[in-house]
C-alpha atoms as a PDB file:
ATOM      1  CA  MET A   1      92.359 105.280  96.666  1.00  0.00           C
ATOM      2  CA  ARG A   2      95.851 106.090  97.971  1.00  0.00           C
ATOM      3  CA  VAL A   3      97.695 109.362  97.422  1.00  0.00           C
ATOM      4  CA  PHE A   4     101.182 110.432  98.490  1.00  0.00           C
ATOM      5  CA  TRP A   5     101.311 113.689 100.446  1.00  0.00           C
ATOM      6  CA  PRO A   6     104.262 114.457 102.733  1.00  0.00           C
ATOM      7  CA  HIS A   7     102.439 116.797 105.148  1.00  0.00           C
ATOM      8  CA  LEU A   8      99.755 115.015 107.164  1.00  0.00           C
ATOM      9  CA  GLN A   9      99.165 117.819 109.659  1.00  0.00           C
ATOM     10  CA  GLY A  10      96.306 120.224 110.174  1.00  0.00           C
ATOM     11  CA  SER A  11      92.532 120.110 110.107  1.00  0.00           C
ATOM     12  CA  PRO A  12      91.474 120.630 107.475  1.00  0.00           C
ATOM     13  CA  LEU A  13      94.358 119.209 105.471  1.00  0.00           C
ATOM     14  CA  VAL A  14      95.300 121.311 102.457  1.00  0.00           C
ATOM     15  CA  ILE A  15      96.605 119.678  99.277  1.00  0.00           C
ATOM     16  CA  ASP A  16      97.658 121.731  96.271  1.00  0.00           C
ATOM     17  CA  GLY A  17      99.756 121.558  93.118  1.00  0.00           C
ATOM     18  CA  PRO A  18      99.921 118.452  90.909  1.00  0.00           C
ATOM     19  CA  THR A  19      98.508 116.245  93.671  1.00  0.00           C
ATOM     20  CA  ALA A  20      95.340 118.354  93.826  1.00  0.00           C
ATOM     21  CA  ARG A  21      94.968 118.077  90.048  1.00  0.00           C
ATOM     22  CA  TYR A  22      95.466 114.312  90.266  1.00  0.00           C
ATOM     23  CA  VAL A  23      92.766 113.910  92.923  1.00  0.00           C
ATOM     24  CA  SER A  24      90.229 116.159  91.202  1.00  0.00           C
ATOM     25  CA  THR A  25      90.803 115.433  87.501  1.00  0.00           C
ATOM     26  CA  VAL A  26      92.252 111.901  87.375  1.00  0.00           C
ATOM     27  CA  LEU A  27      90.638 110.217  90.360  1.00  0.00           C
ATOM     28  CA  ARG A  28      87.569 112.508  89.949  1.00  0.00           C
ATOM     29  CA  LEU A  29      86.908 112.545  93.684  1.00  0.00           C
ATOM     30  CA  ARG A  30      84.310 114.984  94.951  1.00  0.00           C
ATOM     31  CA  LYS A  31      83.002 116.350  98.247  1.00  0.00           C
ATOM     32  CA  GLY A  32      82.256 113.499 100.666  1.00  0.00           C
ATOM     33  CA  ASP A  33      84.513 110.956  98.980  1.00  0.00           C
ATOM     34  CA  GLU A  34      87.185 109.258 101.079  1.00  0.00           C
ATOM     35  CA  LEU A  35      90.814 108.467 100.298  1.00  0.00           C
ATOM     36  CA  ARG A  36      93.979 107.383 102.069  1.00  0.00           C
ATOM     37  CA  LEU A  37      97.067 109.545 102.298  1.00  0.00           C
ATOM     38  CA  PHE A  38     100.578 108.276 103.042  1.00  0.00           C
ATOM     39  CA  ASP A  39     103.589 110.437 103.802  1.00  0.00           C
ATOM     40  CA  GLY A  40     106.395 108.121 102.688  1.00  0.00           C
ATOM     41  CA  SER A  41     107.725 107.478 106.186  1.00  0.00           C
ATOM     42  CA  GLY A  42     105.176 104.826 107.171  1.00  0.00           C
ATOM     43  CA  ARG A  43     102.287 107.008 108.315  1.00  0.00           C
ATOM     44  CA  GLN A  44      98.889 106.540 106.645  1.00  0.00           C
ATOM     45  CA  LEU A  45      95.717 108.558 107.183  1.00  0.00           C
ATOM     46  CA  ARG A  46      92.093 108.151 106.104  1.00  0.00           C
ATOM     47  CA  ALA A  47      90.458 111.425 105.101  1.00  0.00           C
ATOM     48  CA  ARG A  48      87.257 112.809 103.548  1.00  0.00           C
ATOM     49  CA  LEU A  49      87.052 115.541 100.911  1.00  0.00           C
ATOM     50  CA  ILE A  50      85.520 118.790 102.095  1.00  0.00           C
ATOM     51  CA  SER A  51      86.059 120.665  98.831  1.00  0.00           C
ATOM     52  CA  SER A  52      87.745 119.776  95.567  1.00  0.00           C
ATOM     53  CA  GLY A  53      89.286 121.801  92.770  1.00  0.00           C
ATOM     54  CA  PRO A  54      92.121 121.483  90.243  1.00  0.00           C
ATOM     55  CA  ARG A  55      94.430 123.755  92.264  1.00  0.00           C
ATOM     56  CA  ARG A  56      93.520 123.101  95.894  1.00  0.00           C
ATOM     57  CA  ILE A  57      91.547 120.546  97.869  1.00  0.00           C
ATOM     58  CA  LEU A  58      90.579 120.424 101.530  1.00  0.00           C
ATOM     59  CA  LEU A  59      90.232 117.196 103.508  1.00  0.00           C
ATOM     60  CA  GLU A  60      88.872 116.277 106.899  1.00  0.00           C
ATOM     61  CA  PRO A  61      91.224 113.834 108.706  1.00  0.00           C
ATOM     62  CA  LEU A  62      89.223 110.809 109.887  1.00  0.00           C
ATOM     63  CA  SER A  63      91.614 108.305 111.431  1.00  0.00           C
ATOM     64  CA  GLU A  64      95.192 107.101 111.488  1.00  0.00           C
ATOM     65  CA  GLU A  65      95.627 103.701 109.847  1.00  0.00           C
ATOM     66  CA  PRO A  66      98.371 101.126 110.297  1.00  0.00           C
ATOM     67  CA  ALA A  67     100.861 101.074 107.463  1.00  0.00           C
ATOM     68  CA  PRO A  68     100.305  98.192 105.038  1.00  0.00           C
ATOM     69  CA  PRO A  69     102.675  95.246 105.619  1.00  0.00           C
ATOM     70  CA  ALA A  70     104.573  95.942 102.408  1.00  0.00           C
ATOM     71  CA  GLU A  71     108.114  96.531 103.719  1.00  0.00           C
ATOM     72  CA  SER A  72     110.651  93.746 103.412  1.00  0.00           C
ATOM     73  CA  PRO A  73     112.593  92.625 106.496  1.00  0.00           C
ATOM     74  CA  LEU A  74     115.656  92.883 104.238  1.00  0.00           C
ATOM     75  CA  ARG A  75     116.685  96.507 103.684  1.00  0.00           C
ATOM     76  CA  VAL A  76     118.212  96.481 100.192  1.00  0.00           C
ATOM     77  CA  ARG A  77     120.434  99.285  98.975  1.00  0.00           C
ATOM     78  CA  LEU A  78     120.815  99.178  95.186  1.00  0.00           C
ATOM     79  CA  LEU A  79     124.110 100.657  93.978  1.00  0.00           C
ATOM     80  CA  GLN A  80     123.579 101.051  90.257  1.00  0.00           C
ATOM     81  CA  GLY A  81     126.022 102.184  87.591  1.00  0.00           C
ATOM     82  CA  LEU A  82     124.459 105.024  85.603  1.00  0.00           C
ATOM     83  CA  LEU A  83     122.192 103.990  82.730  1.00  0.00           C
ATOM     84  CA  LYS A  84     120.404 105.935  80.022  1.00  0.00           C
ATOM     85  CA  ALA A  85     117.687 108.144  81.506  1.00  0.00           C
ATOM     86  CA  ASP A  86     114.725 106.050  80.349  1.00  0.00           C
ATOM     87  CA  LYS A  87     116.322 102.835  81.629  1.00  0.00           C
ATOM     88  CA  MET A  88     117.166 104.452  84.968  1.00  0.00           C
ATOM     89  CA  ALA A  89     113.554 105.542  85.413  1.00  0.00           C
ATOM     90  CA  LEU A  90     112.144 102.123  84.525  1.00  0.00           C
ATOM     91  CA  LEU A  91     114.630 100.389  86.811  1.00  0.00           C
ATOM     92  CA  LEU A  92     113.730 102.616  89.757  1.00  0.00           C
ATOM     93  CA  GLN A  93     110.017 102.031  89.192  1.00  0.00           C
ATOM     94  CA  LYS A  94     110.380  98.250  89.206  1.00  0.00           C
ATOM     95  CA  ALA A  95     112.948  98.267  92.024  1.00  0.00           C
ATOM     96  CA  THR A  96     110.457 100.188  94.175  1.00  0.00           C
ATOM     97  CA  GLU A  97     107.869  97.495  93.485  1.00  0.00           C
ATOM     98  CA  LEU A  98     110.428  94.876  94.516  1.00  0.00           C
ATOM     99  CA  GLY A  99     110.959  96.610  97.854  1.00  0.00           C
ATOM    100  CA  VAL A 100     114.274  98.434  97.424  1.00  0.00           C
ATOM    101  CA  ALA A 101     114.979 100.761 100.359  1.00  0.00           C
ATOM    102  CA  GLU A 102     117.743 102.946  98.869  1.00  0.00           C
ATOM    103  CA  PHE A 103     118.709 103.728  95.285  1.00  0.00           C
ATOM    104  CA  GLN A 104     122.211 105.089  94.702  1.00  0.00           C
ATOM    105  CA  PRO A 105     123.321 105.879  91.095  1.00  0.00           C
ATOM    106  CA  LEU A 106     127.066 105.468  90.546  1.00  0.00           C
ATOM    107  CA  VAL A 107     129.598 106.949  88.163  1.00  0.00           C
ATOM    108  CA  THR A 108     131.955 104.154  87.112  1.00  0.00           C
ATOM    109  CA  GLN A 109     134.821 103.827  84.645  1.00  0.00           C
ATOM    110  CA  ARG A 110     132.504 102.629  81.856  1.00  0.00           C
ATOM    111  CA  SER A 111     129.575 104.908  82.626  1.00  0.00           C
ATOM    112  CA  VAL A 112     128.661 107.235  79.793  1.00  0.00           C
ATOM    113  CA  PRO A 113     128.909 110.712  81.373  1.00  0.00           C
ATOM    114  CA  ARG A 114     125.370 111.960  82.002  1.00  0.00           C
ATOM    115  CA  ALA A 115     124.421 114.964  84.051  1.00  0.00           C
ATOM    116  CA  MET A 116     121.710 114.382  86.637  1.00  0.00           C
ATOM    117  CA  GLY A 117     120.563 117.806  87.702  1.00  0.00           C
ATOM    118  CA  ALA A 118     117.981 118.710  90.304  1.00  0.00           C
ATOM    119  CA  GLU A 119     115.038 118.342  87.900  1.00  0.00           C
ATOM    120  CA  LYS A 120     116.066 114.841  86.801  1.00  0.00           C
ATOM    121  CA  LEU A 121     116.496 113.813  90.423  1.00  0.00           C
ATOM    122  CA  ARG A 122     113.047 115.217  91.268  1.00  0.00           C
ATOM    123  CA  ARG A 123     111.595 113.221  88.375  1.00  0.00           C
ATOM    124  CA  LEU A 124     113.157 110.006  89.668  1.00  0.00           C
ATOM    125  CA  ARG A 125     111.750 110.678  93.135  1.00  0.00           C
ATOM    126  CA  ARG A 126     108.289 111.278  91.653  1.00  0.00           C
ATOM    127  CA  ILE A 127     108.562 107.939  89.852  1.00  0.00           C
ATOM    128  CA  ALA A 128     109.412 106.247  93.153  1.00  0.00           C
ATOM    129  CA  GLN A 129     106.430 107.956  94.833  1.00  0.00           C
ATOM    130  CA  GLU A 130     104.020 106.761  92.157  1.00  0.00           C
ATOM    131  CA  ALA A 131     105.423 103.231  92.207  1.00  0.00           C
ATOM    132  CA  ALA A 132     105.097 103.100  96.005  1.00  0.00           C
ATOM    133  CA  ARG A 133     101.496 104.307  95.774  1.00  0.00           C
ATOM    134  CA  GLN A 134     100.651 101.714  93.136  1.00  0.00           C
ATOM    135  CA  CYS A 135     102.234  98.735  94.898  1.00  0.00           C
ATOM    136  CA  GLY A 136     100.901  99.524  98.379  1.00  0.00           C
ATOM    137  CA  ARG A 137     104.057 100.693 100.117  1.00  0.00           C
ATOM    138  CA  ALA A 138     103.807 103.374 102.797  1.00  0.00           C
ATOM    139  CA  VAL A 139     107.572 103.985 102.959  1.00  0.00           C
ATOM    140  CA  LEU A 140     109.337 105.612 100.021  1.00  0.00           C
ATOM    141  CA  PRO A 141     112.768 104.436  98.927  1.00  0.00           C
ATOM    142  CA  GLN A 142     115.543 106.973  99.387  1.00  0.00           C
ATOM    143  CA  VAL A 143     116.736 108.162  95.956  1.00  0.00           C
ATOM    144  CA  TYR A 144     120.135 109.891  95.905  1.00  0.00           C
ATOM    145  CA  GLY A 145     122.078 111.882  93.382  1.00  0.00           C
ATOM    146  CA  PRO A 146     124.982 110.136  91.615  1.00  0.00           C
ATOM    147  CA  ILE A 147     128.375 109.731  93.269  1.00  0.00           C
ATOM    148  CA  SER A 148     131.539 107.965  92.138  1.00  0.00           C
ATOM    149  CA  LEU A 149     131.996 104.270  92.842  1.00  0.00           C
ATOM    150  CA  GLN A 150     135.135 105.083  94.849  1.00  0.00           C
ATOM    151  CA  GLU A 151     133.227 107.522  97.087  1.00  0.00           C
ATOM    152  CA  CYS A 152     130.491 104.950  97.596  1.00  0.00           C
ATOM    153  CA  LEU A 153     132.960 102.218  98.530  1.00  0.00           C
ATOM    154  CA  ARG A 154     134.785 104.474 100.989  1.00  0.00           C
ATOM    155  CA  GLY A 155     131.594 104.949 102.962  1.00  0.00           C
ATOM    156  CA  HIS A 156     130.271 101.425 102.611  1.00  0.00           C
ATOM    157  CA  GLN A 157     129.444  99.354 105.678  1.00  0.00           C
ATOM    158  CA  GLY A 158     127.712  96.021 106.151  1.00  0.00           C
ATOM    159  CA  PRO A 159     127.265  93.052 103.803  1.00  0.00           C
ATOM    160  CA  GLY A 160     127.373  93.610 100.056  1.00  0.00           C
ATOM    161  CA  VAL A 161     127.055  91.525  96.906  1.00  0.00           C
ATOM    162  CA  LEU A 162     128.450  92.491  93.510  1.00  0.00           C
ATOM    163  CA  PHE A 163     126.810  90.735  90.559  1.00  0.00           C
ATOM    164  CA  TRP A 164     129.343  90.397  87.734  1.00  0.00           C
ATOM    165  CA  GLU A 165     128.895  88.998  84.244  1.00  0.00           C
ATOM    166  CA  GLN A 166     132.378  87.453  84.319  1.00  0.00           C
ATOM    167  CA  GLY A 167     131.476  84.998  87.069  1.00  0.00           C
ATOM    168  CA  GLY A 168     131.352  84.526  90.785  1.00  0.00           C
ATOM    169  CA  GLN A 169     129.642  82.422  93.420  1.00  0.00           C
ATOM    170  CA  ARG A 170     126.067  81.246  93.094  1.00  0.00           C
ATOM    171  CA  LEU A 171     123.578  82.893  95.395  1.00  0.00           C
ATOM    172  CA  GLY A 172     123.208  79.797  97.564  1.00  0.00           C
ATOM    173  CA  GLN A 173     126.948  79.857  98.305  1.00  0.00           C
ATOM    174  CA  LEU A 174     126.938  83.390  99.689  1.00  0.00           C
ATOM    175  CA  SER A 175     127.224  84.157 103.378  1.00  0.00           C
ATOM    176  CA  VAL A 176     124.618  86.830 104.033  1.00  0.00           C
ATOM    177  CA  PRO A 177     122.788  87.246 107.347  1.00  0.00           C
ATOM    178  CA  ALA A 178     118.999  87.045 107.139  1.00  0.00           C
ATOM    179  CA  GLY A 179     117.199  90.329 107.763  1.00  0.00           C
ATOM    180  CA  GLY A 180     119.132  93.510 108.365  1.00  0.00           C
ATOM    181  CA  SER A 181     120.547  95.297 105.323  1.00  0.00           C
ATOM    182  CA  LEU A 182     122.297  94.305 102.109  1.00  0.00           C
ATOM    183  CA  SER A 183     123.963  96.356  99.377  1.00  0.00           C
ATOM    184  CA  LEU A 184     123.700  95.162  95.766  1.00  0.00           C
ATOM    185  CA  LEU A 185     126.277  96.524  93.329  1.00  0.00           C
ATOM    186  CA  ILE A 186     125.429  96.395  89.611  1.00  0.00           C
ATOM    187  CA  GLY A 187     127.553  97.852  86.825  1.00  0.00           C
ATOM    188  CA  PRO A 188     126.461 100.132  83.940  1.00  0.00           C
ATOM    189  CA  GLU A 189     125.806  99.002  80.353  1.00  0.00           C
ATOM    190  CA  GLY A 190     129.504  98.285  79.824  1.00  0.00           C
ATOM    191  CA  GLY A 191     129.899  96.443  83.128  1.00  0.00           C
ATOM    192  CA  LEU A 192     132.420  96.972  85.879  1.00  0.00           C
ATOM    193  CA  THR A 193     136.151  96.692  85.215  1.00  0.00           C
ATOM    194  CA  SER A 194     138.350  94.105  86.911  1.00  0.00           C
ATOM    195  CA  GLU A 195     139.949  96.946  88.865  1.00  0.00           C
ATOM    196  CA  GLU A 196     136.561  98.107  90.177  1.00  0.00           C
ATOM    197  CA  VAL A 197     135.608  94.565  91.138  1.00  0.00           C
ATOM    198  CA  ALA A 198     138.882  94.247  93.072  1.00  0.00           C
ATOM    199  CA  GLN A 199     138.154  97.533  94.859  1.00  0.00           C
ATOM    200  CA  ALA A 200     134.706  96.284  95.862  1.00  0.00           C
ATOM    201  CA  ARG A 201     136.143  92.979  97.089  1.00  0.00           C
ATOM    202  CA  ALA A 202     138.583  94.917  99.249  1.00  0.00           C
ATOM    203  CA  ARG A 203     135.603  96.665 100.878  1.00  0.00           C
ATOM    204  CA  GLY A 204     133.946  93.353 101.732  1.00  0.00           C
ATOM    205  CA  PHE A 205     131.703  92.755  98.724  1.00  0.00           C
ATOM    206  CA  GLN A 206     131.146  89.147  97.717  1.00  0.00           C
ATOM    207  CA  VAL A 207     131.103  88.531  93.949  1.00  0.00           C
ATOM    208  CA  ALA A 208     128.171  86.545  92.579  1.00  0.00           C
ATOM    209  CA  THR A 209     126.863  85.353  89.230  1.00  0.00           C
ATOM    210  CA  LEU A 210     123.384  85.515  87.760  1.00  0.00           C
ATOM    211  CA  GLY A 211     123.946  82.501  85.536  1.00  0.00           C
ATOM    212  CA  PRO A 212     125.480  81.701  82.161  1.00  0.00           C
ATOM    213  CA  ARG A 213     123.712  84.387  80.109  1.00  0.00           C
ATOM    214  CA  ILE A 214     124.902  87.985  79.930  1.00  0.00           C
ATOM    215  CA  LEU A 215     122.050  90.224  81.066  1.00  0.00           C
ATOM    216  CA  ARG A 216     121.498  93.871  80.330  1.00  0.00           C
ATOM    217  CA  ALA A 217     122.336  96.070  83.305  1.00  0.00           C
ATOM    218  CA  GLU A 218     118.701  96.875  84.123  1.00  0.00           C
ATOM    219  CA  THR A 219     117.712  93.211  83.792  1.00  0.00           C
ATOM    220  CA  ALA A 220     120.573  92.147  86.055  1.00  0.00           C
ATOM    221  CA  ALA A 221     119.534  94.634  88.748  1.00  0.00           C
ATOM    222  CA  LEU A 222     115.916  93.460  88.797  1.00  0.00           C
ATOM    223  CA  ALA A 223     116.894  89.776  88.700  1.00  0.00           C
ATOM    224  CA  ALA A 224     119.304  90.324  91.590  1.00  0.00           C
ATOM    225  CA  LEU A 225     116.658  92.161  93.616  1.00  0.00           C
ATOM    226  CA  ALA A 226     114.094  89.435  93.077  1.00  0.00           C
ATOM    227  CA  LEU A 227     116.573  86.704  94.020  1.00  0.00           C
ATOM    228  CA  VAL A 228     117.767  88.297  97.264  1.00  0.00           C
ATOM    229  CA  GLN A 229     114.203  89.204  98.276  1.00  0.00           C
ATOM    230  CA  HIS A 230     113.199  85.595  97.660  1.00  0.00           C
ATOM    231  CA  ARG A 231     116.109  84.200  99.637  1.00  0.00           C
ATOM    232  CA  TRP A 232     116.395  86.685 102.532  1.00  0.00           C
ATOM    233  CA  GLY A 233     113.419  89.051 102.164  1.00  0.00           C
ATOM    234  CA  ASP A 234     109.697  88.609 101.675  1.00  0.00           C
ATOM    235  CA  LEU A 235     109.195  87.156  98.184  1.00  0.00           C
ATOM    236  CA  GLY A 236     109.264  83.496  99.085  1.00  0.00           C
END
């Protein structure tokens, strides 16, 4: 049993709120049961329940444990044009499973304007936490609020690949150093404009293709993640 909890200090450890309800009512753990806690930064702790209730549980820390070897040597930053809320949530869940390190929503020329307030951002971060717990990661991806594509490009450094439905190089033709970090830029449902692609090229992005079929934006992002993790990360 693994549970995310950001504060692994104190003896006993105190867990409250929704996490306490999850442990007591979903996992149905009781006094004497053991579980593993991870804080999202790579630290993992084995602990034993001292008392359990739907609002508050107490745990006895037992031992520090090494983080599971679930982090890719390739640190992938996914720059994703805004999608509908349900698609954005599903994409983040699956991207977390595929080892994404950073998730940056982007406002582009063809994005449908959608507000992403604090509650929506908290929901996305909770989705990333649950996906990390499920897939065995001890490090949470960083999930940011949306910014404009132009702002993102101004601050961009390092290698980047833009996957575009109108063509580009095949993955095997790209010059990307193994390991390190890589930014993947994917457009929204309507795709990126030629002007935006030119702006990304000017900031050092290489333009690549995902093949002859036009993929939905969320499909393109997951296909791109899987391909770069296979080629330069830990999927192959």
